[in-house]
Amino acid sequence: GCVNIHHGLLPKYRGTMCDLNALSENREAGFSIHVMDEKIDNGAILK
C-alpha cells in the first residue's frame, strides 16, 4: 500500500498546515505517518 507523512498530530489534527496552526496556539507541533486510503488524513496511524 501507500503511506503518507501528514504534518499534524493525528488523530485529532487534520488538514493542511496543522503544524503552523499548532505553533501559533503554543501547542506541540509535529507529524504523523499513516496508511493512506481514499479519505484524506485517514488510515491507520503508524507513528
All heavy atoms as atom14 arrays in JSON, in Angstrom:
{
  "sequence": "GCVNIHHGLLPKYRGTMCDLNALSENREAGFSIHVMDEKIDNGAILK",
  "atom14_mask": [
    [1, 1, 1, 1, 0, 0, 0, 0, 0, 0, 0, 0, 0, 0],
    [1, 1, 1, 1, 1, 1, 0, 0, 0, 0, 0, 0, 0, 0],
    [1, 1, 1, 1, 1, 1, 1, 0, 0, 0, 0, 0, 0, 0],
    [1, 1, 1, 1, 1, 1, 1, 1, 0, 0, 0, 0, 0, 0],
    [1, 1, 1, 1, 1, 1, 1, 1, 0, 0, 0, 0, 0, 0],
    [1, 1, 1, 1, 1, 1, 1, 1, 1, 1, 0, 0, 0, 0],
    [1, 1, 1, 1, 1, 1, 1, 1, 1, 1, 0, 0, 0, 0],
    [1, 1, 1, 1, 0, 0, 0, 0, 0, 0, 0, 0, 0, 0],
    [1, 1, 1, 1, 1, 1, 1, 1, 0, 0, 0, 0, 0, 0],
    [1, 1, 1, 1, 1, 1, 1, 1, 0, 0, 0, 0, 0, 0],
    [1, 1, 1, 1, 1, 1, 1, 0, 0, 0, 0, 0, 0, 0],
    [1, 1, 1, 1, 1, 1, 1, 1, 1, 0, 0, 0, 0, 0],
    [1, 1, 1, 1, 1, 1, 1, 1, 1, 1, 1, 1, 0, 0],
    [1, 1, 1, 1, 1, 1, 1, 1, 1, 1, 1, 0, 0, 0],
    [1, 1, 1, 1, 0, 0, 0, 0, 0, 0, 0, 0, 0, 0],
    [1, 1, 1, 1, 1, 1, 1, 0, 0, 0, 0, 0, 0, 0],
    [1, 1, 1, 1, 1, 1, 1, 1, 0, 0, 0, 0, 0, 0],
    [1, 1, 1, 1, 1, 1, 0, 0, 0, 0, 0, 0, 0, 0],
    [1, 1, 1, 1, 1, 1, 1, 1, 0, 0, 0, 0, 0, 0],
    [1, 1, 1, 1, 1, 1, 1, 1, 0, 0, 0, 0, 0, 0],
    [1, 1, 1, 1, 1, 1, 1, 1, 0, 0, 0, 0, 0, 0],
    [1, 1, 1, 1, 1, 0, 0, 0, 0, 0, 0, 0, 0, 0],
    [1, 1, 1, 1, 1, 1, 1, 1, 0, 0, 0, 0, 0, 0],
    [1, 1, 1, 1, 1, 1, 0, 0, 0, 0, 0, 0, 0, 0],
    [1, 1, 1, 1, 1, 1, 1, 1, 1, 0, 0, 0, 0, 0],
    [1, 1, 1, 1, 1, 1, 1, 1, 0, 0, 0, 0, 0, 0],
    [1, 1, 1, 1, 1, 1, 1, 1, 1, 1, 1, 0, 0, 0],
    [1, 1, 1, 1, 1, 1, 1, 1, 1, 0, 0, 0, 0, 0],
    [1, 1, 1, 1, 1, 0, 0, 0, 0, 0, 0, 0, 0, 0],
    [1, 1, 1, 1, 0, 0, 0, 0, 0, 0, 0, 0, 0, 0],
    [1, 1, 1, 1, 1, 1, 1, 1, 1, 1, 1, 0, 0, 0],
    [1, 1, 1, 1, 1, 1, 0, 0, 0, 0, 0, 0, 0, 0],
    [1, 1, 1, 1, 1, 1, 1, 1, 0, 0, 0, 0, 0, 0],
    [1, 1, 1, 1, 1, 1, 1, 1, 1, 1, 0, 0, 0, 0],
    [1, 1, 1, 1, 1, 1, 1, 0, 0, 0, 0, 0, 0, 0],
    [1, 1, 1, 1, 1, 1, 1, 1, 0, 0, 0, 0, 0, 0],
    [1, 1, 1, 1, 1, 1, 1, 1, 0, 0, 0, 0, 0, 0],
    [1, 1, 1, 1, 1, 1, 1, 1, 1, 0, 0, 0, 0, 0],
    [1, 1, 1, 1, 1, 1, 1, 1, 1, 0, 0, 0, 0, 0],
    [1, 1, 1, 1, 1, 1, 1, 1, 0, 0, 0, 0, 0, 0],
    [1, 1, 1, 1, 1, 1, 1, 1, 0, 0, 0, 0, 0, 0],
    [1, 1, 1, 1, 1, 1, 1, 1, 0, 0, 0, 0, 0, 0],
    [1, 1, 1, 1, 0, 0, 0, 0, 0, 0, 0, 0, 0, 0],
    [1, 1, 1, 1, 1, 0, 0, 0, 0, 0, 0, 0, 0, 0],
    [1, 1, 1, 1, 1, 1, 1, 1, 0, 0, 0, 0, 0, 0],
    [1, 1, 1, 1, 1, 1, 1, 1, 0, 0, 0, 0, 0, 0],
    [1, 1, 1, 1, 1, 1, 1, 1, 1, 0, 0, 0, 0, 0]
  ],
  "atom14_positions": [
    [[0.8, -1.21, 0.0], [0.0, 0.0, 0.0], [0.84, 1.27, 0.0], [2.02, 1.27, -0.37], [0.0, 0.0, 0.0], [0.0, 0.0, 0.0], [0.0, 0.0, 0.0], [0.0, 0.0, 0.0], [0.0, 0.0, 0.0], [0.0, 0.0, 0.0], [0.0, 0.0, 0.0], [0.0, 0.0, 0.0], [0.0, 0.0, 0.0], [0.0, 0.0, 0.0]],
    [[0.23, 2.35, 0.45], [0.85, 3.68, 0.43], [0.79, 4.28, 1.82], [-0.21, 4.13, 2.54], [0.12, 4.6, -0.54], [-0.05, 3.95, -2.22], [0.0, 0.0, 0.0], [0.0, 0.0, 0.0], [0.0, 0.0, 0.0], [0.0, 0.0, 0.0], [0.0, 0.0, 0.0], [0.0, 0.0, 0.0], [0.0, 0.0, 0.0], [0.0, 0.0, 0.0]],
    [[1.85, 4.99, 2.21], [1.85, 5.71, 3.48], [2.19, 7.18, 3.2], [2.79, 7.52, 2.19], [2.84, 5.12, 4.51], [2.5, 3.66, 4.81], [4.27, 5.24, 4.03], [0.0, 0.0, 0.0], [0.0, 0.0, 0.0], [0.0, 0.0, 0.0], [0.0, 0.0, 0.0], [0.0, 0.0, 0.0], [0.0, 0.0, 0.0], [0.0, 0.0, 0.0]],
    [[1.78, 8.02, 4.12], [1.92, 9.46, 3.96], [2.5, 10.08, 5.22], [2.23, 9.62, 6.33], [0.53, 10.07, 3.69], [0.56, 11.58, 3.6], [1.33, 12.16, 2.84], [-0.29, 12.24, 4.39], [0.0, 0.0, 0.0], [0.0, 0.0, 0.0], [0.0, 0.0, 0.0], [0.0, 0.0, 0.0], [0.0, 0.0, 0.0], [0.0, 0.0, 0.0]],
    [[3.32, 11.13, 5.04], [3.68, 11.97, 6.18], [2.71, 13.14, 6.22], [2.66, 13.96, 5.3], [5.12, 12.5, 6.07], [6.13, 11.37, 6.18], [5.39, 13.52, 7.17], [7.57, 11.81, 6.28], [0.0, 0.0, 0.0], [0.0, 0.0, 0.0], [0.0, 0.0, 0.0], [0.0, 0.0, 0.0], [0.0, 0.0, 0.0], [0.0, 0.0, 0.0]],
    [[1.91, 13.17, 7.27], [0.95, 14.25, 7.49], [1.54, 15.21, 8.52], [1.97, 14.77, 9.6], [-0.37, 13.67, 8.0], [-1.3, 14.68, 8.58], [-1.94, 15.62, 7.82], [-1.67, 14.92, 9.88], [-2.68, 16.39, 8.6], [-2.53, 15.98, 9.85], [0.0, 0.0, 0.0], [0.0, 0.0, 0.0], [0.0, 0.0, 0.0], [0.0, 0.0, 0.0]],
    [[1.55, 16.49, 8.21], [2.24, 17.44, 9.1], [1.31, 18.01, 10.16], [1.1, 19.22, 10.29], [2.92, 18.51, 8.25], [4.04, 17.92, 7.46], [3.86, 17.4, 6.2], [5.33, 17.67, 7.78], [5.0, 16.9, 5.77], [5.91, 17.03, 6.7], [0.0, 0.0, 0.0], [0.0, 0.0, 0.0], [0.0, 0.0, 0.0], [0.0, 0.0, 0.0]],
    [[0.78, 17.1, 10.93], [-0.04, 17.39, 12.09], [-0.08, 16.15, 12.97], [0.33, 15.06, 12.54], [0.0, 0.0, 0.0], [0.0, 0.0, 0.0], [0.0, 0.0, 0.0], [0.0, 0.0, 0.0], [0.0, 0.0, 0.0], [0.0, 0.0, 0.0], [0.0, 0.0, 0.0], [0.0, 0.0, 0.0], [0.0, 0.0, 0.0], [0.0, 0.0, 0.0]],
    [[-0.54, 16.3, 14.18], [-0.57, 15.19, 15.13], [-1.92, 14.5, 15.06], [-2.91, 14.98, 15.62], [-0.26, 15.69, 16.54], [1.07, 16.44, 16.7], [1.28, 16.86, 18.16], [2.25, 15.6, 16.21], [0.0, 0.0, 0.0], [0.0, 0.0, 0.0], [0.0, 0.0, 0.0], [0.0, 0.0, 0.0], [0.0, 0.0, 0.0], [0.0, 0.0, 0.0]],
    [[-1.96, 13.39, 14.33], [-3.17, 12.59, 14.24], [-3.38, 11.82, 15.55], [-2.43, 11.59, 16.28], [-3.06, 11.61, 13.06], [-3.06, 12.23, 11.67], [-2.74, 11.17, 10.62], [-4.39, 12.91, 11.35], [0.0, 0.0, 0.0], [0.0, 0.0, 0.0], [0.0, 0.0, 0.0], [0.0, 0.0, 0.0], [0.0, 0.0, 0.0], [0.0, 0.0, 0.0]],
    [[-4.62, 11.47, 15.89], [-5.82, 11.57, 15.04], [-6.57, 12.9, 15.13], [-7.51, 13.11, 14.38], [-6.69, 10.43, 15.58], [-6.35, 10.37, 17.03], [-4.87, 10.68, 17.11], [0.0, 0.0, 0.0], [0.0, 0.0, 0.0], [0.0, 0.0, 0.0], [0.0, 0.0, 0.0], [0.0, 0.0, 0.0], [0.0, 0.0, 0.0], [0.0, 0.0, 0.0]],
    [[-6.17, 13.8, 16.02], [-7.01, 14.99, 16.25], [-6.83, 16.06, 15.19], [-7.81, 16.67, 14.74], [-6.7, 15.59, 17.63], [-7.63, 16.74, 17.98], [-7.51, 17.16, 19.43], [-8.52, 18.26, 19.76], [-8.45, 18.67, 21.18], [0.0, 0.0, 0.0], [0.0, 0.0, 0.0], [0.0, 0.0, 0.0], [0.0, 0.0, 0.0], [0.0, 0.0, 0.0]],
    [[-5.6, 16.31, 14.76], [-5.34, 17.49, 13.92], [-5.16, 17.07, 12.47], [-4.22, 16.38, 12.11], [-4.12, 18.24, 14.45], [-4.38, 18.77, 15.84], [-3.85, 18.12, 16.96], [-5.19, 19.88, 16.04], [-4.12, 18.58, 18.24], [-5.46, 20.35, 17.32], [-4.93, 19.7, 18.41], [-5.21, 20.15, 19.67], [0.0, 0.0, 0.0], [0.0, 0.0, 0.0]],
    [[-6.1, 17.53, 11.63], [-6.19, 17.11, 10.23], [-6.2, 18.31, 9.31], [-6.42, 19.44, 9.74], [-7.47, 16.27, 10.03], [-7.54, 15.05, 10.94], [-8.92, 14.41, 10.9], [-8.98, 13.27, 11.8], [-8.74, 12.01, 11.46], [-8.45, 11.73, 10.18], [-8.79, 11.03, 12.33], [0.0, 0.0, 0.0], [0.0, 0.0, 0.0], [0.0, 0.0, 0.0]],
    [[-5.98, 18.06, 8.01], [-6.0, 19.14, 7.04], [-4.58, 19.55, 6.66], [-3.64, 18.76, 6.76], [0.0, 0.0, 0.0], [0.0, 0.0, 0.0], [0.0, 0.0, 0.0], [0.0, 0.0, 0.0], [0.0, 0.0, 0.0], [0.0, 0.0, 0.0], [0.0, 0.0, 0.0], [0.0, 0.0, 0.0], [0.0, 0.0, 0.0], [0.0, 0.0, 0.0]],
    [[-4.43, 20.79, 6.22], [-3.13, 21.29, 5.78], [-2.56, 22.29, 6.78], [-3.3, 22.99, 7.45], [-3.23, 21.95, 4.4], [-4.18, 23.02, 4.46], [-3.69, 20.95, 3.34], [0.0, 0.0, 0.0], [0.0, 0.0, 0.0], [0.0, 0.0, 0.0], [0.0, 0.0, 0.0], [0.0, 0.0, 0.0], [0.0, 0.0, 0.0], [0.0, 0.0, 0.0]],
    [[-1.25, 22.33, 6.86], [-0.51, 23.27, 7.7], [-0.96, 23.23, 9.16], [-1.05, 24.25, 9.83], [-0.62, 24.69, 7.11], [-0.14, 24.73, 5.67], [0.14, 26.36, 4.98], [1.73, 26.73, 5.71], [0.0, 0.0, 0.0], [0.0, 0.0, 0.0], [0.0, 0.0, 0.0], [0.0, 0.0, 0.0], [0.0, 0.0, 0.0], [0.0, 0.0, 0.0]],
    [[-1.19, 22.02, 9.63], [-1.56, 21.83, 11.04], [-0.44, 22.28, 11.97], [-0.71, 22.77, 13.07], [-1.87, 20.37, 11.31], [-3.2, 19.68, 10.32], [0.0, 0.0, 0.0], [0.0, 0.0, 0.0], [0.0, 0.0, 0.0], [0.0, 0.0, 0.0], [0.0, 0.0, 0.0], [0.0, 0.0, 0.0], [0.0, 0.0, 0.0], [0.0, 0.0, 0.0]],
    [[0.81, 22.11, 11.52], [1.93, 22.49, 12.38], [1.99, 23.99, 12.6], [2.25, 24.47, 13.72], [3.26, 21.96, 11.82], [3.45, 22.22, 10.33], [2.65, 22.96, 9.72], [4.44, 21.69, 9.76], [0.0, 0.0, 0.0], [0.0, 0.0, 0.0], [0.0, 0.0, 0.0], [0.0, 0.0, 0.0], [0.0, 0.0, 0.0], [0.0, 0.0, 0.0]],
    [[1.74, 24.78, 11.56], [1.72, 26.23, 11.69], [0.63, 26.67, 12.67], [0.85, 27.5, 13.55], [1.49, 26.88, 10.32], [1.27, 28.4, 10.3], [2.42, 29.14, 10.96], [1.05, 28.88, 8.87], [0.0, 0.0, 0.0], [0.0, 0.0, 0.0], [0.0, 0.0, 0.0], [0.0, 0.0, 0.0], [0.0, 0.0, 0.0], [0.0, 0.0, 0.0]],
    [[-0.54, 26.07, 12.52], [-1.64, 26.41, 13.42], [-1.31, 26.04, 14.85], [-1.6, 26.8, 15.8], [-2.91, 25.69, 12.97], [-4.17, 26.32, 13.53], [-4.43, 27.5, 13.32], [-4.94, 25.53, 14.26], [0.0, 0.0, 0.0], [0.0, 0.0, 0.0], [0.0, 0.0, 0.0], [0.0, 0.0, 0.0], [0.0, 0.0, 0.0], [0.0, 0.0, 0.0]],
    [[-0.66, 24.89, 15.04], [-0.3, 24.46, 16.39], [0.68, 25.43, 17.04], [0.51, 25.84, 18.2], [0.3, 23.06, 16.34], [0.0, 0.0, 0.0], [0.0, 0.0, 0.0], [0.0, 0.0, 0.0], [0.0, 0.0, 0.0], [0.0, 0.0, 0.0], [0.0, 0.0, 0.0], [0.0, 0.0, 0.0], [0.0, 0.0, 0.0], [0.0, 0.0, 0.0]],
    [[1.71, 25.81, 16.31], [2.72, 26.72, 16.87], [2.11, 28.08, 17.21], [2.49, 28.7, 18.21], [3.87, 26.89, 15.89], [4.72, 25.64, 15.64], [5.7, 25.88, 14.5], [5.48, 25.23, 16.9], [0.0, 0.0, 0.0], [0.0, 0.0, 0.0], [0.0, 0.0, 0.0], [0.0, 0.0, 0.0], [0.0, 0.0, 0.0], [0.0, 0.0, 0.0]],
    [[1.17, 28.53, 16.4], [0.52, 29.83, 16.67], [-0.3, 29.79, 17.95], [-0.54, 30.82, 18.57], [-0.37, 30.23, 15.49], [-1.57, 29.49, 15.46], [0.0, 0.0, 0.0], [0.0, 0.0, 0.0], [0.0, 0.0, 0.0], [0.0, 0.0, 0.0], [0.0, 0.0, 0.0], [0.0, 0.0, 0.0], [0.0, 0.0, 0.0], [0.0, 0.0, 0.0]],
    [[-0.72, 28.58, 18.35], [-1.51, 28.4, 19.57], [-0.68, 27.83, 20.71], [-1.22, 27.37, 21.72], [-2.7, 27.5, 19.28], [-3.67, 28.1, 18.26], [-4.81, 27.16, 17.91], [-4.8, 25.98, 18.36], [-5.73, 27.59, 17.2], [0.0, 0.0, 0.0], [0.0, 0.0, 0.0], [0.0, 0.0, 0.0], [0.0, 0.0, 0.0], [0.0, 0.0, 0.0]],
    [[0.64, 27.84, 20.55], [1.57, 27.32, 21.57], [1.32, 25.86, 21.91], [1.52, 25.42, 23.04], [1.5, 28.18, 22.84], [1.83, 29.63, 22.57], [2.87, 29.95, 21.98], [0.94, 30.54, 22.98], [0.0, 0.0, 0.0], [0.0, 0.0, 0.0], [0.0, 0.0, 0.0], [0.0, 0.0, 0.0], [0.0, 0.0, 0.0], [0.0, 0.0, 0.0]],
    [[0.88, 25.11, 20.89], [0.69, 23.67, 21.06], [1.85, 22.92, 20.43], [2.56, 23.44, 19.59], [-0.62, 23.21, 20.39], [-1.89, 23.64, 21.07], [-3.1, 22.97, 20.44], [-3.47, 23.53, 19.16], [-3.21, 22.96, 17.98], [-2.54, 21.8, 17.94], [-3.59, 23.53, 16.85], [0.0, 0.0, 0.0], [0.0, 0.0, 0.0], [0.0, 0.0, 0.0]],
    [[2.0, 21.67, 20.82], [3.04, 20.82, 20.25], [2.78, 20.62, 18.76], [1.66, 20.32, 18.34], [3.05, 19.47, 20.96], [4.31, 18.68, 20.79], [5.46, 19.19, 21.65], [5.22, 19.95, 22.6], [6.61, 18.8, 21.36], [0.0, 0.0, 0.0], [0.0, 0.0, 0.0], [0.0, 0.0, 0.0], [0.0, 0.0, 0.0], [0.0, 0.0, 0.0]],
    [[3.81, 20.8, 17.97], [3.72, 20.58, 16.52], [4.59, 19.4, 16.14], [5.6, 19.11, 16.8], [4.16, 21.83, 15.76], [0.0, 0.0, 0.0], [0.0, 0.0, 0.0], [0.0, 0.0, 0.0], [0.0, 0.0, 0.0], [0.0, 0.0, 0.0], [0.0, 0.0, 0.0], [0.0, 0.0, 0.0], [0.0, 0.0, 0.0], [0.0, 0.0, 0.0]],
    [[4.22, 18.73, 15.07], [5.0, 17.59, 14.61], [4.34, 16.97, 13.39], [3.67, 17.65, 12.63], [0.0, 0.0, 0.0], [0.0, 0.0, 0.0], [0.0, 0.0, 0.0], [0.0, 0.0, 0.0], [0.0, 0.0, 0.0], [0.0, 0.0, 0.0], [0.0, 0.0, 0.0], [0.0, 0.0, 0.0], [0.0, 0.0, 0.0], [0.0, 0.0, 0.0]],
    [[4.52, 15.65, 13.22], [3.96, 14.99, 12.05], [3.54, 13.57, 12.41], [3.92, 13.03, 13.46], [4.96, 14.98, 10.89], [6.24, 14.22, 11.17], [6.35, 12.87, 10.91], [7.35, 14.88, 11.69], [7.52, 12.18, 11.16], [8.54, 14.21, 11.93], [8.62, 12.85, 11.68], [0.0, 0.0, 0.0], [0.0, 0.0, 0.0], [0.0, 0.0, 0.0]],
    [[2.76, 12.99, 11.52], [2.29, 11.62, 11.69], [2.53, 10.84, 10.4], [2.41, 11.39, 9.31], [0.78, 11.59, 12.0], [0.47, 12.44, 13.08], [0.0, 0.0, 0.0], [0.0, 0.0, 0.0], [0.0, 0.0, 0.0], [0.0, 0.0, 0.0], [0.0, 0.0, 0.0], [0.0, 0.0, 0.0], [0.0, 0.0, 0.0], [0.0, 0.0, 0.0]],
    [[2.88, 9.58, 10.54], [2.96, 8.69, 9.38], [1.75, 7.76, 9.46], [1.51, 7.12, 10.48], [4.26, 7.87, 9.39], [5.47, 8.8, 9.35], [4.29, 6.9, 8.21], [6.81, 8.07, 9.41], [0.0, 0.0, 0.0], [0.0, 0.0, 0.0], [0.0, 0.0, 0.0], [0.0, 0.0, 0.0], [0.0, 0.0, 0.0], [0.0, 0.0, 0.0]],
    [[0.98, 7.73, 8.38], [-0.23, 6.91, 8.39], [-0.42, 6.2, 7.06], [0.09, 6.65, 6.02], [-1.47, 7.78, 8.71], [-1.82, 8.76, 7.63], [-2.73, 8.48, 6.62], [-1.36, 10.02, 7.37], [-2.84, 9.53, 5.82], [-2.01, 10.47, 6.24], [0.0, 0.0, 0.0], [0.0, 0.0, 0.0], [0.0, 0.0, 0.0], [0.0, 0.0, 0.0]],
    [[-1.13, 5.1, 7.11], [-1.52, 4.38, 5.9], [-2.54, 5.23, 5.15], [-3.39, 5.89, 5.76], [-2.12, 3.01, 6.26], [-2.59, 2.28, 5.01], [-1.1, 2.16, 7.02], [0.0, 0.0, 0.0], [0.0, 0.0, 0.0], [0.0, 0.0, 0.0], [0.0, 0.0, 0.0], [0.0, 0.0, 0.0], [0.0, 0.0, 0.0], [0.0, 0.0, 0.0]],
    [[-2.45, 5.26, 3.84], [-3.36, 6.06, 3.04], [-4.54, 5.22, 2.54], [-4.38, 4.05, 2.2], [-2.63, 6.65, 1.82], [-1.48, 7.57, 2.2], [-0.53, 8.11, 0.76], [-1.68, 9.25, -0.02], [0.0, 0.0, 0.0], [0.0, 0.0, 0.0], [0.0, 0.0, 0.0], [0.0, 0.0, 0.0], [0.0, 0.0, 0.0], [0.0, 0.0, 0.0]],
    [[-5.71, 5.85, 2.52], [-6.86, 5.27, 1.83], [-7.54, 6.4, 1.05], [-6.96, 7.46, 0.88], [-7.8, 4.54, 2.8], [-8.38, 5.44, 3.88], [-8.47, 6.67, 3.68], [-8.78, 4.91, 4.94], [0.0, 0.0, 0.0], [0.0, 0.0, 0.0], [0.0, 0.0, 0.0], [0.0, 0.0, 0.0], [0.0, 0.0, 0.0], [0.0, 0.0, 0.0]],
    [[-8.74, 6.17, 0.59], [-9.38, 7.15, -0.29], [-9.88, 8.39, 0.44], [-10.28, 9.35, -0.2], [-10.51, 6.48, -1.07], [-10.0, 5.47, -2.1], [-11.11, 4.81, -2.89], [-11.63, 3.79, -2.41], [-11.46, 5.32, -3.97], [0.0, 0.0, 0.0], [0.0, 0.0, 0.0], [0.0, 0.0, 0.0], [0.0, 0.0, 0.0], [0.0, 0.0, 0.0]],
    [[-9.85, 8.38, 1.76], [-10.21, 9.57, 2.53], [-8.93, 10.31, 2.93], [-7.89, 9.71, 3.15], [-11.01, 9.18, 3.77], [-12.35, 8.56, 3.46], [-13.1, 8.22, 4.75], [-14.46, 7.6, 4.45], [-15.19, 7.26, 5.71], [0.0, 0.0, 0.0], [0.0, 0.0, 0.0], [0.0, 0.0, 0.0], [0.0, 0.0, 0.0], [0.0, 0.0, 0.0]],
    [[-9.03, 11.62, 3.06], [-7.87, 12.45, 3.38], [-7.51, 12.3, 4.86], [-8.39, 12.34, 5.73], [-8.15, 13.93, 3.04], [-8.41, 14.07, 1.53], [-6.97, 14.81, 3.46], [-8.85, 15.45, 1.13], [0.0, 0.0, 0.0], [0.0, 0.0, 0.0], [0.0, 0.0, 0.0], [0.0, 0.0, 0.0], [0.0, 0.0, 0.0], [0.0, 0.0, 0.0]],
    [[-6.22, 12.15, 5.15], [-5.7, 12.03, 6.52], [-6.35, 10.89, 7.27], [-6.56, 10.95, 8.49], [-5.88, 13.35, 7.29], [-5.14, 14.51, 6.65], [-4.17, 14.26, 5.92], [-5.55, 15.67, 6.85], [0.0, 0.0, 0.0], [0.0, 0.0, 0.0], [0.0, 0.0, 0.0], [0.0, 0.0, 0.0], [0.0, 0.0, 0.0], [0.0, 0.0, 0.0]],
    [[-6.67, 9.84, 6.56], [-7.33, 8.68, 7.14], [-6.36, 7.5, 7.11], [-5.22, 7.63, 6.72], [-8.61, 8.37, 6.37], [-9.64, 7.66, 7.19], [-9.98, 8.1, 8.29], [-10.18, 6.58, 6.67], [0.0, 0.0, 0.0], [0.0, 0.0, 0.0], [0.0, 0.0, 0.0], [0.0, 0.0, 0.0], [0.0, 0.0, 0.0], [0.0, 0.0, 0.0]],
    [[-6.79, 6.36, 7.58], [-5.93, 5.18, 7.57], [-5.16, 5.06, 8.87], [-4.91, 6.03, 9.58], [0.0, 0.0, 0.0], [0.0, 0.0, 0.0], [0.0, 0.0, 0.0], [0.0, 0.0, 0.0], [0.0, 0.0, 0.0], [0.0, 0.0, 0.0], [0.0, 0.0, 0.0], [0.0, 0.0, 0.0], [0.0, 0.0, 0.0], [0.0, 0.0, 0.0]],
    [[-4.75, 3.84, 9.17], [-4.1, 3.53, 10.45], [-2.86, 4.39, 10.67], [-2.08, 4.65, 9.75], [-3.73, 2.05, 10.49], [0.0, 0.0, 0.0], [0.0, 0.0, 0.0], [0.0, 0.0, 0.0], [0.0, 0.0, 0.0], [0.0, 0.0, 0.0], [0.0, 0.0, 0.0], [0.0, 0.0, 0.0], [0.0, 0.0, 0.0], [0.0, 0.0, 0.0]],
    [[-2.68, 4.84, 11.91], [-1.53, 5.67, 12.28], [-0.36, 4.75, 12.65], [-0.46, 3.92, 13.55], [-1.87, 6.57, 13.47], [-3.04, 7.5, 13.14], [-0.65, 7.4, 13.89], [-3.63, 8.21, 14.35], [0.0, 0.0, 0.0], [0.0, 0.0, 0.0], [0.0, 0.0, 0.0], [0.0, 0.0, 0.0], [0.0, 0.0, 0.0], [0.0, 0.0, 0.0]],
    [[0.76, 4.93, 11.95], [1.94, 4.11, 12.21], [2.91, 4.76, 13.18], [3.61, 4.07, 13.91], [2.67, 3.83, 10.89], [1.83, 3.18, 9.78], [2.68, 2.96, 8.54], [1.22, 1.86, 10.26], [0.0, 0.0, 0.0], [0.0, 0.0, 0.0], [0.0, 0.0, 0.0], [0.0, 0.0, 0.0], [0.0, 0.0, 0.0], [0.0, 0.0, 0.0]],
    [[2.95, 6.09, 13.19], [3.89, 6.79, 14.07], [3.46, 8.24, 14.2], [3.04, 8.86, 13.22], [5.31, 6.71, 13.5], [6.41, 7.16, 14.46], [7.78, 6.98, 13.82], [8.92, 7.17, 14.8], [9.0, 6.12, 15.82], [0.0, 0.0, 0.0], [0.0, 0.0, 0.0], [0.0, 0.0, 0.0], [0.0, 0.0, 0.0], [0.0, 0.0, 0.0]]
  ]
}
